[in-house]
Amino acid sequence: MIPQQPTRREVLQGLAIASAARPLAAQGRRPNLLFVFSDQHRACSMPGEPYNDASAPALERMAARGVTFSQCISNYPVCSPYRGILMTGRWPFQTGVIDNSYPLRPGEYSLGEAFRDAGYHTGYVGKWHLDARGAEGHALKPPGEARHGFAEWRAWYNTNPHFDTSHTYDPLTGREVVPAGYNATLMTDDAIDFIERSRDRQWMLVLALNPPHPPFGDAPPELLRNYPPSDLRLRPNAVERVTRGIGGRGRSVRSDLAGYDAHIEGVDREMRRLAECLDRTGLADDTIVVYTSDHGEMLGAHNRTGKRLPHEESCRVPFVVSAPGAVRGLQTDVLLGTIDIYPTLCGLAGIPVPATCVGRDLSGAVRGEQVRGPEHQFLMHVSKSNASGGMNHTSPIFRGIRTSRHTYACGEIGRWCLYDNREDPYQLANLADDAARAGLMSDLDGEVLDYLEQAKDRYPYRTDRS
């Protein structure tokens, strides 16, 4: 069982006595870390995936030079809850971030603090979404000191419209500014400035981009022209027009997919700029670069849009690591969850994993070591309190589990879905009513109940079908 939240003194004592993993850098030097995550980029829209038309040559090149975790799972596929898990290595009910716009408590020992206390100059740029905000992420007031260990903190708000509307605060004057342009480019400009100014010190930077999050139609026009809707392929489980979901009814999936793919190419363009910056500054051989996303996007799969679901389009996300010492071109099926990212980043950098972290350090897989990964990843949708449409949001509250082969979830009606992802990769056959799978589901129920206890989650878990 996971203990109660340690005090700061206990955390620092744990850091002092823990033995650090071997860093991924030459001669034992701890490397820099650039952690980039976008918003709503599903793994099945990465290069090489079936039915994918999005062009992403920089990400493809990064994967060829590094390691891809093909089974990376967003444990809670919603923006703020993902960020809460990422920043603390702890579950939503342990941190209080149970839905969008719930603030991260100041007492949590954050990813930024762990790297700061290990001697890194720390920075955060982009969408924050971990303090109390109004609709669409508008700031209710200028940000205070809730930086959670990031020495340089350049948070951006109102990031869903991608052109000319996102705002941030001038770090010198504190005044609100609304620069013109594509917000992914503006955020990357900030990141490049940070890297160039920090080239003579050891640094860690988190860059949180907003695309390919909707709206899809405001992708850069020069990129949108690359994706005529009629030319795009739909996944076998997708409909042409969605009839379920908040804000998605009647929408043309191909038209949305065109904008989605264009936004992905826009994100890829920024990844290329970051790679060029590392080359230009001479830091490429001393920097770990990670690309991932907070969750995916249904885009008509199972007649749904958005996220908050256990399906692959919602919860399986990219996770690519390019680093000195990484095995080039390796694809690993180690089951990596959001809960494992914090300790794994510590392991990649060779710093101790704080005692507060619940997940596992899986950095050995990047070095080509034989790593026994988790057998299960906990899946959840905890609250609709700040979902689009509120309690009318059509994604059910659920708890479930993702194994290397199966996806299983129970909701308000009891057993909701069971999919064999190996035999049925598009999850077209729901096996929850299959009597022959009763034993399997009973075993998975036991695993979910263990997670509920560990995560301090009092969800009234039901396995009956009613």
Protein backbone atom coordinates (compact mmCIF):
# COMPACT_ATOMS: atom_id res chain seq x y z
CA MET A 1 0.00 0.00 0.00
CA ILE A 2 1.23 3.52 -0.78
CA PRO A 3 2.06 5.46 2.40
CA GLN A 4 0.60 8.82 3.35
CA GLN A 5 2.27 11.82 1.72
CA PRO A 6 5.77 12.24 3.20
CA THR A 7 6.88 15.54 4.62
CA ARG A 8 9.38 17.62 2.68
CA ARG A 9 12.06 16.67 5.23
CA GLU A 10 11.38 12.98 4.63
CA VAL A 11 11.56 13.46 0.88
CA LEU A 12 14.92 15.22 1.05
CA GLN A 13 16.26 12.57 3.43
CA GLY A 14 15.18 9.94 0.92
CA LEU A 15 16.97 11.79 -1.85
CA ALA A 16 20.14 11.95 0.20
CA ILE A 17 20.37 8.22 0.84
CA ALA A 18 18.96 6.85 -2.43
CA SER A 19 21.37 5.51 -5.03
CA ALA A 20 21.01 7.20 -8.40
CA ALA A 21 20.61 5.29 -11.65
CA ARG A 22 23.40 5.44 -14.19
CA PRO A 23 22.89 8.66 -16.22
CA LEU A 24 22.58 8.58 -19.99
CA ALA A 25 25.62 10.72 -20.73
CA ALA A 26 29.27 10.32 -21.44
CA GLN A 27 31.81 10.03 -18.59
CA GLY A 28 29.13 9.96 -15.92
CA ARG A 29 28.06 13.55 -16.52
CA ARG A 30 24.40 14.13 -15.87
CA PRO A 31 22.70 15.15 -19.11
CA ASN A 32 20.34 18.01 -19.75
CA LEU A 33 16.68 17.07 -20.14
CA LEU A 34 14.18 18.47 -22.63
CA PHE A 35 10.73 17.00 -21.97
CA VAL A 36 8.17 17.98 -24.61
CA PHE A 37 4.53 16.97 -24.44
CA SER A 38 1.72 18.02 -26.70
CA ASP A 39 -2.01 17.91 -25.99
CA GLN A 40 -4.26 15.19 -27.44
CA HIS A 41 -1.75 13.45 -29.76
CA ARG A 42 -2.74 9.79 -29.94
CA ALA A 43 -0.12 7.12 -30.63
CA CYS A 44 -2.00 5.79 -33.65
CA SER A 45 -1.31 9.12 -35.40
CA MET A 46 2.46 8.67 -35.20
CA PRO A 47 4.69 7.76 -38.18
CA GLY A 48 4.45 4.11 -39.16
CA GLU A 49 1.05 3.51 -37.57
CA PRO A 50 -1.71 2.01 -39.79
CA TYR A 51 -4.22 4.46 -41.30
CA ASN A 52 -2.07 7.43 -40.30
CA ASP A 53 -1.55 10.26 -42.84
CA ALA A 54 0.04 12.87 -40.56
CA SER A 55 3.54 13.83 -41.68
CA ALA A 56 6.04 14.05 -38.81
CA PRO A 57 9.58 13.64 -40.19
CA ALA A 58 11.28 15.14 -37.11
CA LEU A 59 9.55 12.68 -34.79
CA GLU A 60 10.31 9.87 -37.22
CA ARG A 61 13.97 10.85 -37.21
CA MET A 62 13.95 11.09 -33.41
CA ALA A 63 12.51 7.57 -33.16
CA ALA A 64 15.16 6.23 -35.55
CA ARG A 65 17.88 7.67 -33.35
CA GLY A 66 16.31 6.69 -30.05
CA VAL A 67 13.81 4.47 -28.28
CA THR A 68 10.03 4.27 -28.73
CA PHE A 69 7.75 2.94 -26.00
CA SER A 70 4.98 1.50 -28.16
CA GLN A 71 2.76 0.79 -25.14
CA CYS A 72 2.69 4.13 -23.33
CA ILE A 73 -0.62 4.59 -21.51
CA SER A 74 -2.22 7.77 -20.20
CA ASN A 75 -3.62 6.51 -16.91
CA TYR A 76 -6.19 9.31 -16.75
CA PRO A 77 -6.67 10.69 -20.29
CA VAL A 78 -7.65 14.26 -19.36
CA CYS A 79 -5.46 17.38 -19.38
CA SER A 80 -5.13 18.46 -15.73
CA PRO A 81 -5.23 14.98 -14.13
CA TYR A 82 -2.44 13.85 -16.46
CA ARG A 83 -0.40 16.89 -15.49
CA GLY A 84 -1.02 16.24 -11.81
CA ILE A 85 0.27 12.68 -12.14
CA LEU A 86 3.22 13.79 -14.28
CA MET A 87 4.32 16.50 -11.86
CA THR A 88 4.00 14.43 -8.68
CA GLY A 89 4.30 10.76 -9.63
CA ARG A 90 1.14 10.21 -7.57
CA TRP A 91 -2.53 9.38 -8.20
CA PRO A 92 -5.34 11.97 -8.46
CA PHE A 93 -6.92 11.36 -5.06
CA GLN A 94 -3.47 11.66 -3.47
CA THR A 95 -2.92 15.10 -5.01
CA GLY A 96 -6.47 16.46 -5.36
CA VAL A 97 -6.21 16.95 -9.15
CA ILE A 98 -9.25 14.84 -10.02
CA ASP A 99 -10.41 16.80 -13.09
CA ASN A 100 -9.49 19.83 -15.17
CA SER A 101 -8.66 23.10 -13.43
CA TYR A 102 -8.06 21.61 -9.99
CA PRO A 103 -4.92 23.25 -8.55
CA LEU A 104 -1.83 21.26 -7.67
CA ARG A 105 -1.20 21.61 -3.96
CA PRO A 106 1.96 23.54 -3.02
CA GLY A 107 3.05 20.75 -0.64
CA GLU A 108 3.55 18.17 -3.38
CA TYR A 109 7.19 17.31 -4.14
CA SER A 110 7.21 18.04 -7.85
CA LEU A 111 9.28 16.95 -10.82
CA GLY A 112 10.69 20.47 -10.97
CA GLU A 113 11.76 20.33 -7.33
CA ALA A 114 13.46 16.95 -7.77
CA PHE A 115 15.60 18.27 -10.63
CA ARG A 116 16.21 21.60 -8.90
CA ASP A 117 17.42 19.82 -5.75
CA ALA A 118 19.74 17.70 -7.92
CA GLY A 119 21.45 20.88 -9.15
CA TYR A 120 19.57 21.53 -12.40
CA HIS A 121 18.48 24.93 -13.63
CA THR A 122 14.78 24.25 -14.24
CA GLY A 123 12.28 25.76 -16.65
CA TYR A 124 8.66 25.31 -17.68
CA VAL A 125 7.12 26.77 -20.84
CA GLY A 126 3.61 26.34 -22.24
CA LYS A 127 0.17 25.20 -21.17
CA TRP A 128 0.13 24.75 -17.39
CA HIS A 129 -3.48 23.83 -16.48
CA LEU A 130 -2.63 23.07 -12.86
CA ASP A 131 -4.14 26.04 -11.07
CA ALA A 132 -7.68 27.32 -10.71
CA ARG A 133 -8.75 28.79 -14.04
CA GLY A 134 -11.94 29.87 -15.69
CA ALA A 135 -13.44 28.51 -18.90
CA GLU A 136 -11.02 27.53 -21.68
CA GLY A 137 -8.08 28.04 -19.32
CA HIS A 138 -8.45 31.83 -18.98
CA ALA A 139 -6.39 33.13 -16.09
CA LEU A 140 -8.60 34.43 -13.28
CA LYS A 141 -5.66 36.43 -11.96
CA PRO A 142 -1.93 36.70 -12.72
CA PRO A 143 0.05 33.66 -11.59
CA GLY A 144 1.63 33.75 -8.17
CA GLU A 145 4.53 31.74 -6.83
CA ALA A 146 3.08 28.27 -7.46
CA ARG A 147 5.99 27.32 -9.70
CA HIS A 148 6.60 23.93 -8.12
CA GLY A 149 10.37 24.04 -8.40
CA PHE A 150 10.70 25.67 -11.82
CA ALA A 151 13.14 28.57 -11.60
CA GLU A 152 11.87 29.94 -14.92
CA TRP A 153 8.12 29.53 -15.35
CA ARG A 154 6.48 30.84 -18.52
CA ALA A 155 2.92 29.53 -18.35
CA TRP A 156 0.49 30.22 -21.22
CA TYR A 157 -3.29 30.45 -20.97
CA ASN A 158 -6.31 30.41 -23.30
CA THR A 159 -4.34 28.06 -25.50
CA ASN A 160 -7.15 26.23 -27.29
CA PRO A 161 -7.58 28.87 -30.01
CA HIS A 162 -4.14 28.46 -31.56
CA PHE A 163 -3.61 31.83 -33.25
CA ASP A 164 -3.34 35.33 -31.77
CA THR A 165 -5.33 34.70 -28.56
CA SER A 166 -3.05 32.81 -26.14
CA HIS A 167 -1.69 34.95 -23.35
CA THR A 168 1.14 34.78 -20.86
CA TYR A 169 2.74 37.12 -18.35
CA ASP A 170 5.91 39.09 -18.91
CA PRO A 171 8.46 37.62 -16.47
CA LEU A 172 9.95 41.06 -15.74
CA THR A 173 6.85 43.24 -15.37
CA GLY A 174 4.14 40.68 -14.60
CA ARG A 175 1.92 42.29 -17.22
CA GLU A 176 -0.33 40.18 -19.41
CA VAL A 177 0.82 39.92 -23.02
CA VAL A 178 -0.95 38.41 -26.05
CA PRO A 179 1.65 37.84 -28.79
CA ALA A 180 0.48 37.28 -32.35
CA GLY A 181 1.11 33.94 -34.02
CA TYR A 182 0.70 30.17 -33.72
CA ASN A 183 1.00 29.37 -30.04
CA ALA A 184 3.11 26.24 -30.57
CA THR A 185 5.70 28.41 -32.33
CA LEU A 186 5.53 31.12 -29.67
CA MET A 187 6.05 28.57 -26.91
CA THR A 188 8.94 26.99 -28.80
CA ASP A 189 10.48 30.45 -29.20
CA ASP A 190 10.47 30.69 -25.39
CA ALA A 191 11.98 27.21 -25.08
CA ILE A 192 14.77 27.99 -27.55
CA ASP A 193 15.53 31.20 -25.67
CA PHE A 194 15.80 29.20 -22.43
CA ILE A 195 18.16 26.64 -24.01
CA GLU A 196 20.41 29.27 -25.58
CA ARG A 197 20.70 31.19 -22.30
CA SER A 198 21.35 27.99 -20.31
CA ARG A 199 23.97 26.37 -22.56
CA ASP A 200 26.74 26.78 -19.94
CA ARG A 201 24.80 25.18 -17.09
CA GLN A 202 23.01 21.92 -16.44
CA TRP A 203 19.34 22.38 -17.24
CA MET A 204 15.97 20.67 -17.35
CA LEU A 205 13.10 22.14 -19.39
CA VAL A 206 9.47 21.08 -19.76
CA LEU A 207 7.71 22.35 -22.90
CA ALA A 208 3.93 21.81 -22.97
CA LEU A 209 2.44 22.49 -26.42
CA ASN A 210 -1.30 22.77 -27.05
CA PRO A 211 -1.81 21.34 -30.58
CA PRO A 212 -3.20 19.01 -31.82
CA HIS A 213 -5.92 19.78 -29.24
CA PRO A 214 -9.08 21.19 -30.89
CA PRO A 215 -10.13 23.42 -32.51
CA PHE A 216 -8.80 21.48 -35.47
CA GLY A 217 -9.73 24.02 -38.14
CA ASP A 218 -7.23 26.67 -37.02
CA ALA A 219 -4.11 24.71 -37.93
CA PRO A 220 -1.50 26.68 -39.91
CA PRO A 221 -3.08 27.22 -43.37
CA GLU A 222 0.08 26.21 -45.24
CA LEU A 223 -0.03 22.86 -43.43
CA LEU A 224 -3.78 22.38 -43.65
CA ARG A 225 -3.48 22.43 -47.44
CA ASN A 226 -1.43 19.22 -47.20
CA TYR A 227 -4.46 17.26 -45.96
CA PRO A 228 -7.47 17.23 -48.32
CA PRO A 229 -10.19 15.52 -46.24
CA SER A 230 -11.25 13.21 -49.05
CA ASP A 231 -7.72 11.77 -49.25
CA LEU A 232 -7.49 10.82 -45.58
CA ARG A 233 -7.93 7.30 -44.27
CA LEU A 234 -10.23 6.54 -41.34
CA ARG A 235 -9.46 3.81 -38.86
CA PRO A 236 -11.70 0.73 -39.25
CA ASN A 237 -13.54 1.59 -36.02
CA ALA A 238 -14.31 5.20 -37.03
CA VAL A 239 -17.53 6.67 -38.42
CA GLU A 240 -17.80 9.36 -41.09
CA ARG A 241 -19.96 11.59 -38.91
CA VAL A 242 -20.18 11.43 -35.13
CA THR A 243 -23.62 11.19 -33.55
CA ARG A 244 -22.51 10.92 -29.91
CA GLY A 245 -20.54 13.19 -27.61
CA ILE A 246 -20.53 16.78 -26.44
CA GLY A 247 -19.73 19.18 -29.27
CA GLY A 248 -19.08 16.43 -31.78
CA ARG A 249 -22.52 15.53 -33.12
CA GLY A 250 -22.78 15.74 -36.88
CA ARG A 251 -19.19 16.73 -37.42
CA SER A 252 -17.29 15.43 -40.42
CA VAL A 253 -14.56 13.19 -39.04
CA ARG A 254 -12.42 13.59 -42.18
CA SER A 255 -12.55 17.39 -41.92
CA ASP A 256 -11.54 17.22 -38.25
CA LEU A 257 -8.83 14.71 -39.11
CA ALA A 258 -7.40 17.11 -41.71
CA GLY A 259 -6.92 19.80 -39.08
CA TYR A 260 -5.69 17.30 -36.53
CA ASP A 261 -3.01 15.98 -38.89
CA ALA A 262 -2.01 19.52 -39.86
CA HIS A 263 -1.57 20.41 -36.17
CA ILE A 264 0.60 17.30 -35.72
CA GLU A 265 2.78 18.46 -38.58
CA GLY A 266 2.88 21.86 -36.86
CA VAL A 267 4.12 20.24 -33.64
CA ASP A 268 6.67 18.26 -35.66
CA ARG A 269 7.93 21.49 -37.18
CA GLU A 270 8.63 22.79 -33.67
CA MET A 271 10.41 19.55 -32.75
CA ARG A 272 12.67 20.13 -35.76
CA ARG A 273 13.43 23.65 -34.55
CA LEU A 274 14.34 22.31 -31.10
CA ALA A 275 16.66 19.70 -32.61
CA GLU A 276 18.33 22.41 -34.70
CA CYS A 277 18.78 24.53 -31.57
CA LEU A 278 20.48 21.67 -29.73
CA ASP A 279 22.78 21.12 -32.71
CA ARG A 280 23.55 24.83 -33.00
CA THR A 281 24.39 25.18 -29.30
CA GLY A 282 26.49 22.02 -29.24
CA LEU A 283 24.18 20.41 -26.69
CA ALA A 284 22.72 17.58 -28.77
CA ASP A 285 25.13 14.95 -27.44
CA ASP A 286 24.50 15.96 -23.82
CA THR A 287 20.72 16.27 -23.83
CA ILE A 288 17.94 13.75 -23.30
CA VAL A 289 14.91 14.65 -25.43
CA VAL A 290 11.51 13.10 -24.72
CA TYR A 291 8.35 13.55 -26.76
CA THR A 292 4.95 12.39 -25.52
CA SER A 293 1.38 13.61 -25.06
CA ASP A 294 -1.11 13.86 -22.21
CA HIS A 295 -3.80 11.76 -23.91
CA GLY A 296 -5.23 10.92 -27.30
CA GLU A 297 -8.28 11.79 -29.39
CA MET A 298 -11.11 9.51 -30.53
CA LEU A 299 -11.78 11.27 -33.88
CA GLY A 300 -14.86 9.23 -34.68
CA ALA A 301 -13.61 5.92 -33.28
CA HIS A 302 -16.53 4.12 -31.65
CA ASN A 303 -18.68 7.07 -32.76
CA ARG A 304 -17.01 9.41 -30.27
CA THR A 305 -14.81 12.49 -30.12
CA GLY A 306 -12.43 13.72 -27.46
CA LYS A 307 -10.94 11.61 -24.69
CA ARG A 308 -11.93 10.45 -21.15
CA LEU A 309 -12.29 6.87 -22.41
CA PRO A 310 -10.34 3.60 -22.00
CA HIS A 311 -10.11 2.99 -25.75
CA GLU A 312 -6.72 2.96 -27.47
CA GLU A 313 -7.36 6.20 -29.38
CA SER A 314 -7.91 7.96 -26.05
CA CYS A 315 -5.31 6.42 -23.75
CA ARG A 316 -2.37 5.14 -25.85
CA VAL A 317 0.07 7.98 -26.50
CA PRO A 318 3.52 8.49 -28.07
CA PHE A 319 6.63 8.20 -25.92
CA VAL A 320 9.93 8.64 -27.79
CA VAL A 321 13.32 9.13 -26.12
CA SER A 322 16.42 10.36 -27.89
CA ALA A 323 19.43 10.39 -25.60
CA PRO A 324 23.17 9.79 -25.39
CA GLY A 325 23.58 6.11 -24.66
CA ALA A 326 20.13 5.16 -25.91
CA VAL A 327 19.76 2.17 -28.21
CA ARG A 328 19.17 3.57 -31.68
CA GLY A 329 15.92 2.58 -33.37
CA LEU A 330 14.72 0.38 -30.50
CA GLN A 331 10.98 -0.16 -30.06
CA THR A 332 10.07 -1.58 -26.67
CA ASP A 333 6.72 -2.98 -25.57
CA VAL A 334 7.41 -2.26 -21.89
CA LEU A 335 4.10 -1.01 -20.46
CA LEU A 336 4.84 2.58 -19.43
CA GLY A 337 2.15 4.69 -17.75
CA THR A 338 1.91 8.35 -16.82
CA ILE A 339 2.58 7.29 -13.24
CA ASP A 340 6.03 5.98 -14.32
CA ILE A 341 7.23 9.09 -16.16
CA TYR A 342 8.52 11.07 -13.15
CA PRO A 343 10.70 8.21 -11.81
CA THR A 344 11.80 7.27 -15.33
CA LEU A 345 12.98 10.82 -16.06
CA CYS A 346 14.93 10.75 -12.82
CA GLY A 347 16.46 7.45 -13.87
CA LEU A 348 17.40 8.78 -17.31
CA ALA A 349 19.18 11.74 -15.73
CA GLY A 350 20.84 9.64 -13.03
CA ILE A 351 19.22 11.37 -10.07
CA PRO A 352 17.50 9.59 -7.17
CA VAL A 353 13.81 8.79 -7.45
CA PRO A 354 11.93 10.54 -4.62
CA ALA A 355 10.19 8.32 -2.08
CA THR A 356 6.89 10.02 -2.98
CA CYS A 357 6.76 8.48 -6.45
CA VAL A 358 4.31 5.61 -6.85
CA GLY A 359 5.42 4.37 -10.28
CA ARG A 360 8.55 2.67 -11.55
CA ASP A 361 11.82 3.84 -13.05
CA LEU A 362 11.82 2.16 -16.48
CA SER A 363 14.84 4.03 -17.83
CA GLY A 364 16.79 0.80 -18.21
CA ALA A 365 14.71 -0.01 -21.28
CA VAL A 366 16.24 3.03 -23.02
CA ARG A 367 19.71 1.58 -22.44
CA GLY A 368 18.64 -1.75 -23.90
CA GLU A 369 18.58 -3.52 -20.55
CA GLN A 370 16.16 -6.33 -19.82
CA VAL A 371 13.47 -4.52 -17.87
CA ARG A 372 10.52 -6.19 -16.26
CA GLY A 373 7.86 -3.57 -16.70
CA PRO A 374 4.49 -3.33 -14.96
CA GLU A 375 2.00 -6.06 -15.85
CA HIS A 376 -0.89 -3.57 -15.63
CA GLN A 377 -1.64 0.12 -15.95
CA PHE A 378 -4.53 1.62 -14.00
CA LEU A 379 -7.15 3.41 -16.17
CA MET A 380 -9.68 5.90 -14.82
CA HIS A 381 -12.17 8.65 -15.45
CA VAL A 382 -12.79 10.13 -12.01
CA SER A 383 -14.86 13.29 -12.42
CA LYS A 384 -16.87 15.30 -14.95
CA SER A 385 -17.00 18.40 -12.76
CA ASN A 386 -15.00 20.46 -15.26
CA ALA A 387 -15.61 18.44 -18.42
CA SER A 388 -17.13 20.02 -21.52
CA GLY A 389 -20.85 19.83 -20.81
CA GLY A 390 -20.25 19.02 -17.15
CA MET A 391 -22.25 16.08 -15.88
CA ASN A 392 -23.90 15.81 -19.31
CA HIS A 393 -20.60 14.73 -20.82
CA THR A 394 -21.22 11.36 -22.46
CA SER A 395 -18.01 9.62 -21.35
CA PRO A 396 -18.92 7.47 -18.34
CA ILE A 397 -17.11 7.49 -15.03
CA PHE A 398 -15.07 4.29 -14.87
CA ARG A 399 -12.11 2.46 -13.42
CA GLY A 400 -10.21 -0.18 -15.31
CA ILE A 401 -6.94 -1.66 -16.32
CA ARG A 402 -4.73 -1.98 -19.37
CA THR A 403 -2.42 -4.98 -19.67
CA SER A 404 -0.02 -5.77 -22.51
CA ARG A 405 -2.94 -7.57 -24.15
CA HIS A 406 -6.29 -6.50 -22.69
CA THR A 407 -8.29 -3.39 -21.92
CA TYR A 408 -10.92 -3.79 -19.20
CA ALA A 409 -13.19 -1.25 -17.52
CA CYS A 410 -16.14 -1.12 -15.15
CA GLY A 411 -18.47 1.87 -15.01
CA GLU A 412 -21.77 2.86 -13.46
CA ILE A 413 -23.43 -0.18 -15.08
CA GLY A 414 -20.79 -2.60 -13.83
CA ARG A 415 -18.62 -4.46 -16.32
CA TRP A 416 -18.52 -2.17 -19.33
CA CYS A 417 -15.85 -3.36 -21.77
CA LEU A 418 -13.23 -6.02 -22.29
CA TYR A 419 -11.08 -5.99 -25.42
CA ASP A 420 -8.36 -8.33 -26.61
CA ASN A 421 -6.02 -5.80 -28.19
CA ARG A 422 -3.79 -8.45 -29.72
CA GLU A 423 -6.56 -10.20 -31.63
CA ASP A 424 -8.74 -7.12 -32.04
CA PRO A 425 -6.50 -4.01 -32.29
CA TYR A 426 -9.40 -1.72 -33.22
CA GLN A 427 -11.51 -2.95 -30.29
CA LEU A 428 -14.50 -3.88 -32.39
CA ALA A 429 -15.59 -6.88 -30.27
CA ASN A 430 -16.61 -6.13 -26.68
CA LEU A 431 -16.09 -9.35 -24.69
CA ALA A 432 -17.56 -8.15 -21.39
CA ASP A 433 -20.56 -10.50 -21.74
CA ASP A 434 -18.47 -13.51 -22.79
CA ALA A 435 -18.87 -16.19 -20.11
CA ALA A 436 -15.63 -17.80 -21.25
CA ARG A 437 -13.76 -14.66 -20.12
CA ALA A 438 -15.32 -14.56 -16.63
CA GLY A 439 -12.17 -15.91 -14.99
CA LEU A 440 -9.98 -13.34 -16.73
CA MET A 441 -12.29 -10.50 -15.71
CA SER A 442 -12.33 -11.74 -12.11
CA ASP A 443 -8.53 -11.66 -12.05
CA LEU A 444 -8.52 -8.16 -13.52
CA ASP A 445 -11.11 -7.05 -10.95
CA GLY A 446 -8.66 -8.05 -8.24
CA GLU A 447 -5.94 -5.91 -9.83
CA VAL A 448 -8.25 -2.90 -10.13
CA LEU A 449 -9.30 -3.25 -6.47
CA ASP A 450 -5.64 -3.28 -5.46
CA TYR A 451 -5.07 -0.07 -7.41
CA LEU A 452 -8.10 1.56 -5.82
CA GLU A 453 -6.70 0.82 -2.37
CA GLN A 454 -3.23 2.03 -3.24
CA ALA A 455 -4.52 5.19 -4.90
CA LYS A 456 -6.84 6.11 -2.00
CA ASP A 457 -9.71 5.91 -4.49
CA ARG A 458 -13.12 5.15 -2.92
CA TYR A 459 -14.89 4.48 -6.21
CA PRO A 460 -17.87 2.11 -5.64
CA TYR A 461 -16.52 -0.53 -7.98
CA ARG A 462 -19.21 -2.76 -9.49
CA THR A 463 -18.72 -5.88 -11.56
CA ASP A 464 -22.36 -6.82 -12.12
CA ARG A 465 -24.06 -5.95 -15.41
CA SER A 466 -27.26 -3.96 -14.95
